[in-house]
Amino acid sequence: MWAQIINAILGIWLIVAPAVLGADKAAADNDHIIGPIIVSFAVISWWEATRVVRLYNLPLGAWLLLAPWILGYNETTVIISDMMVGALVIGFSFVKGKTETRYGGGWSAIWKSDSLHEREAKKQSNNL
């Protein structure tokens, strides 16, 4: 979870960076769009059941690495900021975190013969 907290902070930085660094319109618009999305995905992935959402930040981080060249940023500090944030978001998105509880196995559990939810149901029926 610590890595996703850092990703949320990086997303908040993207929201305020254009004002702090004096970014041009293209860079500011890009950061104002990508920042809240990174924050949202990071916060959603704080919980164990939704931890996979952290991977949704990977393409956003890659976009931040490419955006200065595609959108033609004018300020070097803004280019460095976006590229650093992009690299950090990618890196922290790969941190999975500790798994304490197993869940039913998702859709693939429907086709498995001895899935976790079947074992749990058998345990509960034996305890009754």
N, C-alpha and C. Protein backbone atom coordinates (compact mmCIF):
# COMPACT_ATOMS: atom_id res chain seq x y z
N MET A 1 0.81 -1.20 0.00
CA MET A 1 0.00 0.00 0.00
C MET A 1 0.86 1.26 0.00
N TRP A 2 2.03 1.18 0.59
CA TRP A 2 2.89 2.37 0.66
C TRP A 2 3.23 2.90 -0.73
N ALA A 3 3.43 1.99 -1.69
CA ALA A 3 3.77 2.42 -3.05
C ALA A 3 2.62 3.16 -3.70
N GLN A 4 1.40 2.73 -3.41
CA GLN A 4 0.24 3.39 -4.00
C GLN A 4 -0.05 4.74 -3.33
N ILE A 5 0.34 4.87 -2.08
CA ILE A 5 0.24 6.17 -1.42
C ILE A 5 1.19 7.16 -2.10
N ILE A 6 2.39 6.68 -2.41
CA ILE A 6 3.35 7.53 -3.12
C ILE A 6 2.83 7.89 -4.50
N ASN A 7 2.21 6.92 -5.20
CA ASN A 7 1.63 7.22 -6.51
C ASN A 7 0.53 8.27 -6.39
N ALA A 8 -0.27 8.20 -5.34
CA ALA A 8 -1.32 9.21 -5.14
C ALA A 8 -0.69 10.59 -4.93
N ILE A 9 0.39 10.64 -4.16
CA ILE A 9 1.09 11.92 -3.95
C ILE A 9 1.68 12.44 -5.25
N LEU A 10 2.22 11.53 -6.08
CA LEU A 10 2.75 11.94 -7.38
C LEU A 10 1.64 12.49 -8.27
N GLY A 11 0.47 11.87 -8.21
CA GLY A 11 -0.67 12.39 -8.97
C GLY A 11 -1.08 13.77 -8.51
N ILE A 12 -1.06 13.98 -7.19
CA ILE A 12 -1.38 15.31 -6.66
C ILE A 12 -0.33 16.33 -7.11
N TRP A 13 0.94 15.89 -7.15
CA TRP A 13 2.00 16.78 -7.65
C TRP A 13 1.70 17.20 -9.10
N LEU A 14 1.24 16.25 -9.91
CA LEU A 14 0.91 16.60 -11.30
C LEU A 14 -0.18 17.66 -11.37
N ILE A 15 -1.09 17.62 -10.44
CA ILE A 15 -2.19 18.59 -10.44
C ILE A 15 -1.67 20.00 -10.13
N VAL A 16 -0.72 20.11 -9.21
CA VAL A 16 -0.22 21.43 -8.80
C VAL A 16 1.03 21.86 -9.57
N ALA A 17 1.72 20.94 -10.21
CA ALA A 17 2.99 21.24 -10.87
C ALA A 17 2.89 22.34 -11.93
N PRO A 18 1.86 22.36 -12.77
CA PRO A 18 1.81 23.43 -13.77
C PRO A 18 1.84 24.83 -13.17
N ALA A 19 1.18 25.03 -12.04
CA ALA A 19 1.18 26.34 -11.39
C ALA A 19 2.55 26.63 -10.76
N VAL A 20 3.14 25.60 -10.17
CA VAL A 20 4.43 25.79 -9.49
C VAL A 20 5.55 26.00 -10.51
N LEU A 21 5.54 25.23 -11.59
CA LEU A 21 6.63 25.27 -12.56
C LEU A 21 6.39 26.21 -13.73
N GLY A 22 5.20 26.76 -13.83
CA GLY A 22 4.90 27.68 -14.93
C GLY A 22 4.81 26.98 -16.27
N ALA A 23 4.03 25.93 -16.34
CA ALA A 23 3.92 25.14 -17.56
C ALA A 23 3.07 25.85 -18.61
N ASP A 24 3.33 25.52 -19.87
CA ASP A 24 2.51 26.04 -20.96
C ASP A 24 1.16 25.31 -20.97
N LYS A 25 0.25 25.74 -21.83
CA LYS A 25 -1.11 25.21 -21.83
C LYS A 25 -1.17 23.71 -22.10
N ALA A 26 -0.42 23.22 -23.05
CA ALA A 26 -0.46 21.79 -23.38
C ALA A 26 0.01 20.94 -22.21
N ALA A 27 1.09 21.35 -21.59
CA ALA A 27 1.62 20.60 -20.45
C ALA A 27 0.67 20.68 -19.26
N ALA A 28 0.12 21.87 -19.01
CA ALA A 28 -0.80 22.04 -17.89
C ALA A 28 -2.06 21.22 -18.08
N ASP A 29 -2.62 21.25 -19.28
CA ASP A 29 -3.82 20.46 -19.56
C ASP A 29 -3.54 18.97 -19.38
N ASN A 30 -2.42 18.53 -19.90
CA ASN A 30 -2.05 17.12 -19.78
C ASN A 30 -1.92 16.71 -18.31
N ASP A 31 -1.22 17.50 -17.53
CA ASP A 31 -1.03 17.17 -16.11
C ASP A 31 -2.34 17.24 -15.34
N HIS A 32 -3.22 18.17 -15.71
CA HIS A 32 -4.51 18.29 -15.02
C HIS A 32 -5.45 17.14 -15.36
N ILE A 33 -5.21 16.48 -16.47
CA ILE A 33 -6.02 15.30 -16.83
C ILE A 33 -5.42 14.03 -16.24
N ILE A 34 -4.13 13.83 -16.41
CA ILE A 34 -3.47 12.59 -15.99
C ILE A 34 -3.34 12.51 -14.46
N GLY A 35 -3.08 13.63 -13.79
CA GLY A 35 -2.89 13.63 -12.34
C GLY A 35 -4.06 13.04 -11.56
N PRO A 36 -5.28 13.53 -11.76
CA PRO A 36 -6.41 12.97 -11.01
C PRO A 36 -6.68 11.50 -11.34
N ILE A 37 -6.39 11.09 -12.56
CA ILE A 37 -6.60 9.68 -12.91
C ILE A 37 -5.60 8.80 -12.16
N ILE A 38 -4.35 9.24 -12.08
CA ILE A 38 -3.34 8.49 -11.32
C ILE A 38 -3.73 8.41 -9.85
N VAL A 39 -4.19 9.53 -9.29
CA VAL A 39 -4.63 9.54 -7.89
C VAL A 39 -5.78 8.56 -7.70
N SER A 40 -6.73 8.58 -8.59
CA SER A 40 -7.90 7.69 -8.47
C SER A 40 -7.49 6.22 -8.49
N PHE A 41 -6.69 5.84 -9.48
CA PHE A 41 -6.26 4.44 -9.57
C PHE A 41 -5.42 4.04 -8.36
N ALA A 42 -4.58 4.94 -7.87
CA ALA A 42 -3.75 4.63 -6.71
C ALA A 42 -4.60 4.42 -5.46
N VAL A 43 -5.59 5.29 -5.25
CA VAL A 43 -6.44 5.17 -4.07
C VAL A 43 -7.30 3.91 -4.16
N ILE A 44 -7.84 3.62 -5.33
CA ILE A 44 -8.64 2.40 -5.48
C ILE A 44 -7.80 1.16 -5.18
N SER A 45 -6.54 1.18 -5.52
CA SER A 45 -5.70 -0.01 -5.33
C SER A 45 -5.16 -0.14 -3.90
N TRP A 46 -5.55 0.73 -2.98
CA TRP A 46 -5.13 0.58 -1.59
C TRP A 46 -5.69 -0.68 -0.96
N TRP A 47 -6.86 -1.11 -1.38
CA TRP A 47 -7.50 -2.27 -0.78
C TRP A 47 -7.06 -3.54 -1.50
N GLU A 48 -6.98 -4.58 -0.75
CA GLU A 48 -6.46 -5.85 -1.26
C GLU A 48 -7.30 -6.41 -2.41
N ALA A 49 -8.61 -6.29 -2.33
CA ALA A 49 -9.48 -6.86 -3.35
C ALA A 49 -9.38 -6.10 -4.68
N THR A 50 -8.96 -4.85 -4.64
CA THR A 50 -8.85 -4.05 -5.86
C THR A 50 -7.40 -3.68 -6.18
N ARG A 51 -6.47 -4.43 -5.66
CA ARG A 51 -5.05 -4.10 -5.83
C ARG A 51 -4.60 -4.15 -7.28
N VAL A 52 -5.26 -4.93 -8.10
CA VAL A 52 -4.86 -5.05 -9.51
C VAL A 52 -5.03 -3.72 -10.25
N VAL A 53 -5.84 -2.82 -9.73
CA VAL A 53 -6.07 -1.52 -10.37
C VAL A 53 -4.77 -0.72 -10.44
N ARG A 54 -3.79 -1.04 -9.60
CA ARG A 54 -2.51 -0.34 -9.63
C ARG A 54 -1.86 -0.43 -11.01
N LEU A 55 -2.13 -1.51 -11.73
CA LEU A 55 -1.55 -1.71 -13.06
C LEU A 55 -2.13 -0.77 -14.10
N TYR A 56 -3.28 -0.18 -13.82
CA TYR A 56 -3.88 0.77 -14.75
C TYR A 56 -3.04 2.04 -14.85
N ASN A 57 -2.18 2.27 -13.87
CA ASN A 57 -1.31 3.44 -13.91
C ASN A 57 -0.11 3.24 -14.83
N LEU A 58 0.17 2.02 -15.27
CA LEU A 58 1.32 1.78 -16.15
C LEU A 58 1.23 2.55 -17.47
N PRO A 59 0.11 2.47 -18.20
CA PRO A 59 0.06 3.26 -19.44
C PRO A 59 0.08 4.77 -19.18
N LEU A 60 -0.45 5.19 -18.04
CA LEU A 60 -0.40 6.63 -17.72
C LEU A 60 1.03 7.07 -17.47
N GLY A 61 1.80 6.24 -16.77
CA GLY A 61 3.21 6.56 -16.56
C GLY A 61 3.98 6.58 -17.87
N ALA A 62 3.69 5.63 -18.74
CA ALA A 62 4.35 5.61 -20.06
C ALA A 62 3.98 6.85 -20.86
N TRP A 63 2.71 7.27 -20.78
CA TRP A 63 2.30 8.48 -21.49
C TRP A 63 3.07 9.68 -20.96
N LEU A 64 3.29 9.76 -19.65
CA LEU A 64 4.03 10.89 -19.09
C LEU A 64 5.47 10.92 -19.59
N LEU A 65 6.03 9.76 -19.89
CA LEU A 65 7.37 9.72 -20.46
C LEU A 65 7.39 10.22 -21.90
N LEU A 66 6.32 9.98 -22.63
CA LEU A 66 6.26 10.35 -24.04
C LEU A 66 5.64 11.73 -24.29
N ALA A 67 4.77 12.17 -23.41
CA ALA A 67 4.00 13.40 -23.63
C ALA A 67 4.85 14.64 -23.92
N PRO A 68 5.99 14.85 -23.23
CA PRO A 68 6.75 16.06 -23.54
C PRO A 68 7.19 16.14 -25.00
N TRP A 69 7.44 15.01 -25.60
CA TRP A 69 7.91 14.99 -26.98
C TRP A 69 6.74 15.03 -27.97
N ILE A 70 5.65 14.39 -27.61
CA ILE A 70 4.48 14.37 -28.50
C ILE A 70 3.75 15.71 -28.47
N LEU A 71 3.59 16.27 -27.28
CA LEU A 71 2.86 17.53 -27.13
C LEU A 71 3.74 18.76 -27.29
N GLY A 72 5.05 18.57 -27.32
CA GLY A 72 5.98 19.68 -27.55
C GLY A 72 6.07 20.66 -26.39
N TYR A 73 6.40 20.16 -25.20
CA TYR A 73 6.57 21.05 -24.04
C TYR A 73 7.71 22.03 -24.32
N ASN A 74 7.58 23.24 -23.74
CA ASN A 74 8.59 24.27 -23.95
C ASN A 74 9.56 24.42 -22.78
N GLU A 75 9.14 24.06 -21.56
CA GLU A 75 9.95 24.27 -20.37
C GLU A 75 10.68 22.99 -19.97
N THR A 76 11.97 23.11 -19.74
CA THR A 76 12.78 21.96 -19.35
C THR A 76 12.36 21.41 -18.00
N THR A 77 12.03 22.27 -17.06
CA THR A 77 11.63 21.79 -15.73
C THR A 77 10.35 20.96 -15.79
N VAL A 78 9.44 21.36 -16.65
CA VAL A 78 8.18 20.62 -16.80
C VAL A 78 8.45 19.27 -17.46
N ILE A 79 9.34 19.24 -18.44
CA ILE A 79 9.72 17.98 -19.10
C ILE A 79 10.32 17.03 -18.08
N ILE A 80 11.26 17.52 -17.28
CA ILE A 80 11.91 16.69 -16.26
C ILE A 80 10.90 16.21 -15.24
N SER A 81 10.02 17.09 -14.80
CA SER A 81 9.00 16.72 -13.81
C SER A 81 8.10 15.61 -14.33
N ASP A 82 7.55 15.79 -15.52
CA ASP A 82 6.65 14.77 -16.06
C ASP A 82 7.36 13.44 -16.30
N MET A 83 8.59 13.50 -16.78
CA MET A 83 9.31 12.25 -17.04
C MET A 83 9.69 11.54 -15.74
N MET A 84 10.07 12.31 -14.73
CA MET A 84 10.38 11.70 -13.43
C MET A 84 9.13 11.08 -12.81
N VAL A 85 8.03 11.82 -12.84
CA VAL A 85 6.77 11.29 -12.30
C VAL A 85 6.35 10.05 -13.07
N GLY A 86 6.47 10.07 -14.38
CA GLY A 86 6.11 8.91 -15.18
C GLY A 86 6.93 7.68 -14.82
N ALA A 87 8.24 7.85 -14.68
CA ALA A 87 9.11 6.73 -14.32
C ALA A 87 8.79 6.21 -12.93
N LEU A 88 8.55 7.11 -11.99
CA LEU A 88 8.23 6.70 -10.62
C LEU A 88 6.87 6.00 -10.55
N VAL A 89 5.89 6.52 -11.27
CA VAL A 89 4.57 5.88 -11.28
C VAL A 89 4.67 4.47 -11.83
N ILE A 90 5.43 4.29 -12.90
CA ILE A 90 5.61 2.95 -13.46
C ILE A 90 6.27 2.04 -12.43
N GLY A 91 7.34 2.52 -11.82
CA GLY A 91 8.06 1.71 -10.84
C GLY A 91 7.19 1.32 -9.65
N PHE A 92 6.48 2.28 -9.09
CA PHE A 92 5.65 2.00 -7.91
C PHE A 92 4.41 1.19 -8.26
N SER A 93 3.98 1.22 -9.50
CA SER A 93 2.82 0.42 -9.90
C SER A 93 3.12 -1.07 -9.91
N PHE A 94 4.38 -1.43 -10.03
CA PHE A 94 4.76 -2.84 -10.02
C PHE A 94 4.83 -3.42 -8.61
N VAL A 95 4.82 -2.57 -7.58
CA VAL A 95 4.86 -3.05 -6.20
C VAL A 95 3.49 -3.59 -5.84
N LYS A 96 3.42 -4.89 -5.61
CA LYS A 96 2.12 -5.54 -5.41
C LYS A 96 1.59 -5.35 -3.99
N GLY A 97 2.42 -5.46 -3.02
CA GLY A 97 1.96 -5.37 -1.64
C GLY A 97 1.69 -6.75 -1.06
N LYS A 98 1.49 -6.77 0.23
CA LYS A 98 1.28 -8.02 0.94
C LYS A 98 -0.17 -8.51 0.79
N THR A 99 -0.32 -9.79 0.49
CA THR A 99 -1.65 -10.38 0.38
C THR A 99 -1.95 -11.14 1.66
N GLU A 100 -2.98 -10.72 2.37
CA GLU A 100 -3.33 -11.35 3.64
C GLU A 100 -4.52 -12.29 3.51
N THR A 101 -5.39 -12.04 2.56
CA THR A 101 -6.61 -12.83 2.41
C THR A 101 -6.76 -13.26 0.96
N ARG A 102 -7.19 -14.50 0.75
CA ARG A 102 -7.49 -14.96 -0.60
C ARG A 102 -8.99 -14.83 -0.82
N TYR A 103 -9.32 -14.44 -2.02
CA TYR A 103 -10.72 -14.30 -2.37
C TYR A 103 -11.11 -15.43 -3.31
N GLY A 104 -12.31 -15.45 -3.81
CA GLY A 104 -12.87 -16.55 -4.57
C GLY A 104 -12.17 -16.94 -5.85
N GLY A 105 -11.29 -16.16 -6.38
CA GLY A 105 -10.55 -16.53 -7.57
C GLY A 105 -11.06 -15.89 -8.84
N GLY A 106 -12.06 -15.06 -8.75
CA GLY A 106 -12.56 -14.36 -9.93
C GLY A 106 -13.32 -15.27 -10.87
N TRP A 107 -13.43 -14.84 -12.10
CA TRP A 107 -14.22 -15.58 -13.08
C TRP A 107 -13.64 -16.94 -13.38
N SER A 108 -12.33 -17.09 -13.28
CA SER A 108 -11.72 -18.39 -13.59
C SER A 108 -12.15 -19.47 -12.61
N ALA A 109 -12.62 -19.09 -11.42
CA ALA A 109 -13.07 -20.07 -10.42
C ALA A 109 -14.32 -20.82 -10.88
N ILE A 110 -15.05 -20.26 -11.82
CA ILE A 110 -16.26 -20.93 -12.31
C ILE A 110 -15.91 -22.25 -12.98
N TRP A 111 -14.78 -22.29 -13.67
CA TRP A 111 -14.42 -23.47 -14.45
C TRP A 111 -13.50 -24.43 -13.71
N LYS A 112 -13.02 -24.06 -12.55
CA LYS A 112 -12.13 -24.94 -11.78
C LYS A 112 -12.97 -25.92 -10.97
N SER A 113 -12.44 -27.13 -10.81
CA SER A 113 -13.21 -28.15 -10.10
C SER A 113 -13.12 -28.01 -8.58
N ASP A 114 -12.01 -27.53 -8.05
CA ASP A 114 -11.85 -27.41 -6.61
C ASP A 114 -11.43 -25.97 -6.28
N SER A 115 -12.33 -25.04 -6.47
CA SER A 115 -12.00 -23.64 -6.26
C SER A 115 -12.08 -23.28 -4.77
N LEU A 116 -11.56 -22.14 -4.44
CA LEU A 116 -11.52 -21.68 -3.06
C LEU A 116 -12.93 -21.55 -2.48
N HIS A 117 -13.87 -21.02 -3.23
CA HIS A 117 -15.21 -20.84 -2.67
C HIS A 117 -15.90 -22.19 -2.43
N GLU A 118 -15.59 -23.21 -3.23
CA GLU A 118 -16.15 -24.54 -2.98
C GLU A 118 -15.59 -25.13 -1.69
N ARG A 119 -14.29 -24.98 -1.48
CA ARG A 119 -13.66 -25.50 -0.26
C ARG A 119 -14.22 -24.80 0.98
N GLU A 120 -14.41 -23.47 0.89
CA GLU A 120 -14.96 -22.73 2.01
C GLU A 120 -16.40 -23.15 2.30
N ALA A 121 -17.18 -23.40 1.26
CA ALA A 121 -18.56 -23.83 1.44
C ALA A 121 -18.61 -25.22 2.11
N LYS A 122 -17.70 -26.10 1.72
CA LYS A 122 -17.65 -27.43 2.34
C LYS A 122 -17.28 -27.33 3.81
N LYS A 123 -16.32 -26.43 4.12
CA LYS A 123 -15.93 -26.25 5.52
C LYS A 123 -17.10 -25.76 6.36
N GLN A 124 -17.83 -24.80 5.83
CA GLN A 124 -18.95 -24.25 6.58
C GLN A 124 -20.07 -25.27 6.74
N SER A 125 -20.32 -26.09 5.72
CA SER A 125 -21.38 -27.10 5.86
C SER A 125 -20.95 -28.20 6.83
N ASN A 126 -19.66 -28.49 6.94
CA ASN A 126 -19.18 -29.48 7.90
C ASN A 126 -19.26 -28.95 9.33
N ASN A 127 -19.12 -27.65 9.49
CA ASN A 127 -19.18 -27.05 10.83
C ASN A 127 -20.60 -26.94 11.36
N LEU A 128 -21.59 -27.02 10.49
CA LEU A 128 -22.99 -26.90 10.92
C LEU A 128 -23.50 -28.16 11.43
